[in-house]
N, C-alpha and C. Protein backbone atom coordinates (compact mmCIF):
# COMPACT_ATOMS: atom_id res chain seq x y z
N TYR A 1 0.85 -1.18 0.00
CA TYR A 1 0.00 0.00 0.00
C TYR A 1 0.88 1.24 0.00
N ASN A 2 0.62 2.15 -0.86
CA ASN A 2 1.41 3.35 -1.03
C ASN A 2 1.42 4.21 0.24
N ILE A 3 2.60 4.66 0.64
CA ILE A 3 2.75 5.45 1.87
C ILE A 3 1.95 6.75 1.79
N ILE A 4 2.03 7.43 0.66
CA ILE A 4 1.29 8.70 0.51
C ILE A 4 -0.21 8.45 0.64
N ARG A 5 -0.71 7.45 -0.07
CA ARG A 5 -2.14 7.13 -0.02
C ARG A 5 -2.55 6.79 1.41
N TYR A 6 -1.72 6.02 2.10
CA TYR A 6 -2.03 5.64 3.48
C TYR A 6 -2.14 6.88 4.37
N LEU A 7 -1.18 7.79 4.31
CA LEU A 7 -1.21 8.98 5.16
C LEU A 7 -2.41 9.87 4.85
N VAL A 8 -2.71 10.04 3.57
CA VAL A 8 -3.81 10.92 3.16
C VAL A 8 -5.17 10.30 3.45
N GLU A 9 -5.37 9.03 3.05
CA GLU A 9 -6.68 8.41 3.17
C GLU A 9 -6.98 7.90 4.58
N THR A 10 -5.99 7.36 5.25
CA THR A 10 -6.23 6.76 6.56
C THR A 10 -6.12 7.77 7.69
N HIS A 11 -5.21 8.72 7.57
CA HIS A 11 -4.96 9.67 8.66
C HIS A 11 -5.30 11.11 8.30
N SER A 12 -5.89 11.34 7.14
CA SER A 12 -6.32 12.68 6.70
C SER A 12 -5.20 13.71 6.75
N VAL A 13 -3.99 13.28 6.41
CA VAL A 13 -2.84 14.19 6.39
C VAL A 13 -2.90 15.03 5.12
N GLN A 14 -2.70 16.34 5.25
CA GLN A 14 -2.56 17.20 4.07
C GLN A 14 -1.10 17.14 3.67
N LEU A 15 -0.81 16.64 2.49
CA LEU A 15 0.55 16.31 2.10
C LEU A 15 0.91 16.99 0.79
N THR A 16 2.11 17.54 0.72
CA THR A 16 2.64 18.13 -0.50
C THR A 16 3.91 17.39 -0.86
N VAL A 17 3.97 16.85 -2.07
CA VAL A 17 5.15 16.13 -2.53
C VAL A 17 6.06 17.10 -3.28
N VAL A 18 7.33 17.12 -2.92
CA VAL A 18 8.32 17.96 -3.58
C VAL A 18 9.44 17.08 -4.12
N PRO A 19 10.20 17.57 -5.11
CA PRO A 19 11.32 16.78 -5.62
C PRO A 19 12.42 16.63 -4.57
N PHE A 20 13.28 15.63 -4.78
CA PHE A 20 14.34 15.33 -3.81
C PHE A 20 15.25 16.52 -3.56
N ASN A 21 15.40 17.40 -4.54
CA ASN A 21 16.34 18.52 -4.41
C ASN A 21 15.63 19.84 -4.08
N TYR A 22 14.43 19.78 -3.55
CA TYR A 22 13.70 21.00 -3.18
C TYR A 22 14.44 21.71 -2.05
N ASP A 23 14.65 23.01 -2.21
CA ASP A 23 15.38 23.80 -1.22
C ASP A 23 14.40 24.33 -0.17
N LEU A 24 14.38 23.68 1.00
CA LEU A 24 13.45 24.09 2.05
C LEU A 24 13.72 25.49 2.57
N GLU A 25 14.99 25.86 2.63
CA GLU A 25 15.33 27.18 3.17
C GLU A 25 14.84 28.28 2.24
N ALA A 26 15.09 28.16 0.94
CA ALA A 26 14.61 29.15 -0.03
C ALA A 26 13.10 29.03 -0.22
N ASN A 27 12.57 27.81 -0.15
CA ASN A 27 11.15 27.51 -0.29
C ASN A 27 10.52 28.28 -1.46
N PRO A 28 10.98 28.02 -2.70
CA PRO A 28 10.52 28.80 -3.86
C PRO A 28 9.02 28.70 -4.12
N GLU A 29 8.36 27.63 -3.67
CA GLU A 29 6.92 27.49 -3.87
C GLU A 29 6.12 28.07 -2.69
N ASN A 30 6.84 28.61 -1.70
CA ASN A 30 6.22 29.21 -0.51
C ASN A 30 5.25 28.25 0.17
N ILE A 31 5.70 27.02 0.35
CA ILE A 31 4.88 25.98 0.97
C ILE A 31 4.90 26.17 2.49
N GLU A 32 3.72 26.18 3.10
CA GLU A 32 3.62 26.22 4.56
C GLU A 32 3.64 24.78 5.04
N TRP A 33 4.71 24.42 5.74
CA TRP A 33 4.84 23.01 6.18
C TRP A 33 5.04 22.94 7.68
N GLN A 34 4.50 21.88 8.24
CA GLN A 34 4.56 21.69 9.69
C GLN A 34 5.46 20.52 10.08
N GLY A 35 5.84 19.70 9.12
CA GLY A 35 6.69 18.55 9.39
C GLY A 35 7.18 17.96 8.08
N LEU A 36 8.14 17.06 8.18
CA LEU A 36 8.71 16.41 6.99
C LEU A 36 8.53 14.91 7.08
N PHE A 37 8.20 14.30 5.96
CA PHE A 37 8.21 12.86 5.82
C PHE A 37 9.18 12.54 4.70
N LEU A 38 10.28 11.90 5.03
CA LEU A 38 11.33 11.57 4.06
C LEU A 38 11.10 10.14 3.61
N SER A 39 10.71 9.97 2.36
CA SER A 39 10.27 8.66 1.89
C SER A 39 11.43 7.74 1.54
N ASN A 40 11.05 6.54 1.16
CA ASN A 40 12.01 5.51 0.80
C ASN A 40 12.63 5.77 -0.57
N GLY A 41 13.65 4.98 -0.91
CA GLY A 41 14.50 5.14 -2.09
C GLY A 41 13.90 4.64 -3.37
N PRO A 42 14.69 4.19 -4.25
CA PRO A 42 16.04 3.65 -4.09
C PRO A 42 17.11 4.74 -4.20
N GLY A 43 18.32 4.34 -3.89
CA GLY A 43 19.43 5.25 -4.10
C GLY A 43 20.45 5.22 -2.99
N ASP A 44 21.54 5.89 -3.29
CA ASP A 44 22.64 6.06 -2.34
C ASP A 44 22.44 7.41 -1.67
N PRO A 45 22.22 7.45 -0.37
CA PRO A 45 21.93 8.72 0.30
C PRO A 45 23.05 9.76 0.16
N THR A 46 24.29 9.31 -0.02
CA THR A 46 25.39 10.27 -0.15
C THR A 46 25.35 11.02 -1.48
N MET A 47 24.50 10.57 -2.39
CA MET A 47 24.38 11.23 -3.70
C MET A 47 23.31 12.32 -3.70
N CYS A 48 22.81 12.69 -2.53
CA CYS A 48 21.72 13.67 -2.43
C CYS A 48 22.13 14.86 -1.56
N PRO A 49 23.18 15.59 -1.93
CA PRO A 49 23.64 16.67 -1.05
C PRO A 49 22.61 17.79 -0.86
N GLN A 50 21.79 18.07 -1.89
CA GLN A 50 20.77 19.13 -1.73
C GLN A 50 19.73 18.72 -0.70
N THR A 51 19.36 17.45 -0.73
CA THR A 51 18.37 16.95 0.23
C THR A 51 18.93 17.01 1.64
N ILE A 52 20.17 16.61 1.81
CA ILE A 52 20.81 16.63 3.12
C ILE A 52 20.88 18.06 3.65
N ALA A 53 21.21 19.02 2.78
CA ALA A 53 21.27 20.43 3.19
C ALA A 53 19.89 20.92 3.64
N SER A 54 18.84 20.54 2.94
CA SER A 54 17.49 20.95 3.33
C SER A 54 17.10 20.33 4.67
N ILE A 55 17.47 19.09 4.88
CA ILE A 55 17.15 18.43 6.15
C ILE A 55 17.93 19.09 7.28
N GLN A 56 19.18 19.47 7.03
CA GLN A 56 19.96 20.18 8.05
C GLN A 56 19.30 21.51 8.41
N TYR A 57 18.77 22.20 7.40
CA TYR A 57 18.04 23.43 7.66
C TYR A 57 16.83 23.14 8.56
N ALA A 58 16.06 22.10 8.20
CA ALA A 58 14.88 21.75 8.99
C ALA A 58 15.25 21.38 10.43
N LEU A 59 16.36 20.67 10.61
CA LEU A 59 16.82 20.30 11.95
C LEU A 59 17.21 21.51 12.79
N SER A 60 17.59 22.60 12.14
CA SER A 60 18.05 23.78 12.88
C SER A 60 16.92 24.71 13.31
N LEU A 61 15.71 24.45 12.86
CA LEU A 61 14.60 25.36 13.16
C LEU A 61 14.22 25.34 14.63
N VAL A 62 13.86 26.52 15.12
CA VAL A 62 13.37 26.67 16.49
C VAL A 62 12.02 27.38 16.39
N PRO A 63 10.94 26.81 16.90
CA PRO A 63 10.88 25.50 17.55
C PRO A 63 11.05 24.39 16.52
N PRO A 64 11.49 23.22 16.97
CA PRO A 64 11.72 22.12 16.03
C PRO A 64 10.42 21.61 15.43
N ARG A 65 10.53 21.10 14.21
CA ARG A 65 9.37 20.50 13.54
C ARG A 65 9.62 18.99 13.43
N PRO A 66 8.56 18.20 13.47
CA PRO A 66 8.75 16.75 13.38
C PRO A 66 9.29 16.33 12.03
N ILE A 67 10.22 15.38 12.04
CA ILE A 67 10.81 14.82 10.82
C ILE A 67 10.80 13.30 10.97
N PHE A 68 10.25 12.62 9.97
CA PHE A 68 10.19 11.17 9.98
C PHE A 68 10.83 10.65 8.71
N GLY A 69 11.73 9.69 8.84
CA GLY A 69 12.37 9.09 7.68
C GLY A 69 12.12 7.60 7.63
N ILE A 70 11.87 7.09 6.43
CA ILE A 70 11.70 5.66 6.25
C ILE A 70 12.69 5.21 5.18
N CYS A 71 13.40 4.15 5.45
CA CYS A 71 14.39 3.56 4.53
C CYS A 71 15.43 4.62 4.12
N LEU A 72 15.47 4.99 2.85
CA LEU A 72 16.43 5.99 2.37
C LEU A 72 16.25 7.30 3.12
N GLY A 73 15.00 7.67 3.41
CA GLY A 73 14.74 8.91 4.15
C GLY A 73 15.39 8.91 5.52
N ASN A 74 15.40 7.76 6.18
CA ASN A 74 16.04 7.64 7.48
C ASN A 74 17.56 7.79 7.36
N GLN A 75 18.13 7.24 6.29
CA GLN A 75 19.57 7.38 6.06
C GLN A 75 19.92 8.84 5.78
N LEU A 76 19.08 9.53 5.01
CA LEU A 76 19.32 10.96 4.74
C LEU A 76 19.25 11.78 6.02
N LEU A 77 18.29 11.46 6.87
CA LEU A 77 18.16 12.15 8.15
C LEU A 77 19.40 11.91 9.01
N ALA A 78 19.90 10.69 9.01
CA ALA A 78 21.11 10.38 9.77
C ALA A 78 22.31 11.17 9.25
N LEU A 79 22.48 11.23 7.93
CA LEU A 79 23.59 12.00 7.36
C LEU A 79 23.47 13.48 7.69
N ALA A 80 22.26 14.01 7.64
CA ALA A 80 22.05 15.42 7.97
C ALA A 80 22.38 15.71 9.42
N ALA A 81 22.20 14.72 10.27
CA ALA A 81 22.50 14.89 11.70
C ALA A 81 23.97 14.63 12.03
N GLY A 82 24.77 14.26 11.01
CA GLY A 82 26.20 14.08 11.22
C GLY A 82 26.66 12.64 11.31
N ALA A 83 25.76 11.69 11.14
CA ALA A 83 26.15 10.27 11.20
C ALA A 83 26.78 9.84 9.88
N LYS A 84 27.35 8.68 9.89
CA LYS A 84 27.90 8.06 8.68
C LYS A 84 27.02 6.86 8.34
N THR A 85 26.88 6.58 7.06
CA THR A 85 26.12 5.41 6.63
C THR A 85 27.01 4.55 5.74
N TYR A 86 26.66 3.27 5.65
CA TYR A 86 27.38 2.38 4.75
C TYR A 86 26.42 1.29 4.28
N LYS A 87 26.71 0.73 3.14
CA LYS A 87 25.87 -0.31 2.57
C LYS A 87 26.16 -1.63 3.27
N LEU A 88 25.10 -2.30 3.71
CA LEU A 88 25.24 -3.60 4.34
C LEU A 88 25.59 -4.64 3.29
N LYS A 89 26.39 -5.62 3.66
CA LYS A 89 26.82 -6.64 2.71
C LYS A 89 25.64 -7.36 2.08
N TYR A 90 24.66 -7.73 2.89
CA TYR A 90 23.52 -8.48 2.38
C TYR A 90 22.21 -7.72 2.49
N GLY A 91 22.24 -6.51 2.96
CA GLY A 91 21.02 -5.74 3.13
C GLY A 91 20.25 -6.16 4.37
N ASN A 92 19.23 -5.42 4.69
CA ASN A 92 18.36 -5.73 5.82
C ASN A 92 17.14 -6.44 5.26
N ARG A 93 16.99 -7.70 5.59
CA ARG A 93 15.91 -8.50 5.02
C ARG A 93 14.75 -8.71 5.97
N GLY A 94 14.44 -7.73 6.76
CA GLY A 94 13.25 -7.86 7.57
C GLY A 94 13.45 -7.60 9.04
N MET A 95 12.57 -8.21 9.80
CA MET A 95 12.51 -7.95 11.23
C MET A 95 13.42 -8.89 12.00
N ASN A 96 13.37 -8.74 13.30
CA ASN A 96 14.09 -9.60 14.24
C ASN A 96 15.60 -9.57 14.01
N GLN A 97 16.15 -8.38 13.95
CA GLN A 97 17.58 -8.21 13.80
C GLN A 97 18.22 -8.04 15.18
N PRO A 98 19.36 -8.68 15.42
CA PRO A 98 20.03 -8.48 16.70
C PRO A 98 20.60 -7.06 16.79
N CYS A 99 20.51 -6.47 17.95
CA CYS A 99 21.00 -5.12 18.18
C CYS A 99 21.68 -5.09 19.54
N ILE A 100 22.97 -4.72 19.58
CA ILE A 100 23.73 -4.72 20.83
C ILE A 100 23.82 -3.31 21.38
N ASP A 101 23.43 -3.15 22.63
CA ASP A 101 23.58 -1.89 23.34
C ASP A 101 25.05 -1.79 23.75
N LEU A 102 25.80 -0.90 23.10
CA LEU A 102 27.24 -0.81 23.35
C LEU A 102 27.57 -0.32 24.75
N ARG A 103 26.61 0.32 25.40
CA ARG A 103 26.86 0.79 26.77
C ARG A 103 26.85 -0.37 27.76
N THR A 104 25.95 -1.33 27.55
CA THR A 104 25.80 -2.40 28.52
C THR A 104 26.25 -3.77 28.01
N GLY A 105 26.38 -3.90 26.69
CA GLY A 105 26.73 -5.19 26.10
C GLY A 105 25.53 -6.11 25.93
N ARG A 106 24.36 -5.64 26.34
CA ARG A 106 23.15 -6.46 26.22
C ARG A 106 22.67 -6.52 24.78
N CYS A 107 22.23 -7.68 24.35
CA CYS A 107 21.73 -7.87 22.99
C CYS A 107 20.20 -7.91 23.01
N TYR A 108 19.59 -7.15 22.12
CA TYR A 108 18.15 -7.13 21.97
C TYR A 108 17.82 -7.65 20.58
N ILE A 109 16.62 -8.19 20.42
CA ILE A 109 16.12 -8.57 19.10
C ILE A 109 15.04 -7.56 18.75
N THR A 110 15.19 -6.90 17.58
CA THR A 110 14.24 -5.87 17.21
C THR A 110 12.88 -6.49 16.88
N PRO A 111 11.79 -5.76 17.14
CA PRO A 111 10.44 -6.30 16.85
C PRO A 111 10.15 -6.27 15.36
């Protein structure tokens, strides 16, 4: 089921789709926005410097606005926040992935 259709039809979200390189700071279309939804890919997030710059602008706003990333969108959000990303050897093939808390050494299984 399409993410856009789900948000609009199920949750009555008013949604505006912009291209990946839309400049949020300049906002040439003068869009009034209250939050960001960064959608899935495909693609290499490091190849989207304009998108990362716009997300960095959004992260700097006071008061902060909600930002949600899924798949590629989450990787872009991480890069904008200063993290590094890398391609997994085999990719993420679903749920129940082991995750180690580096502070405690405890291993959790993701839901």
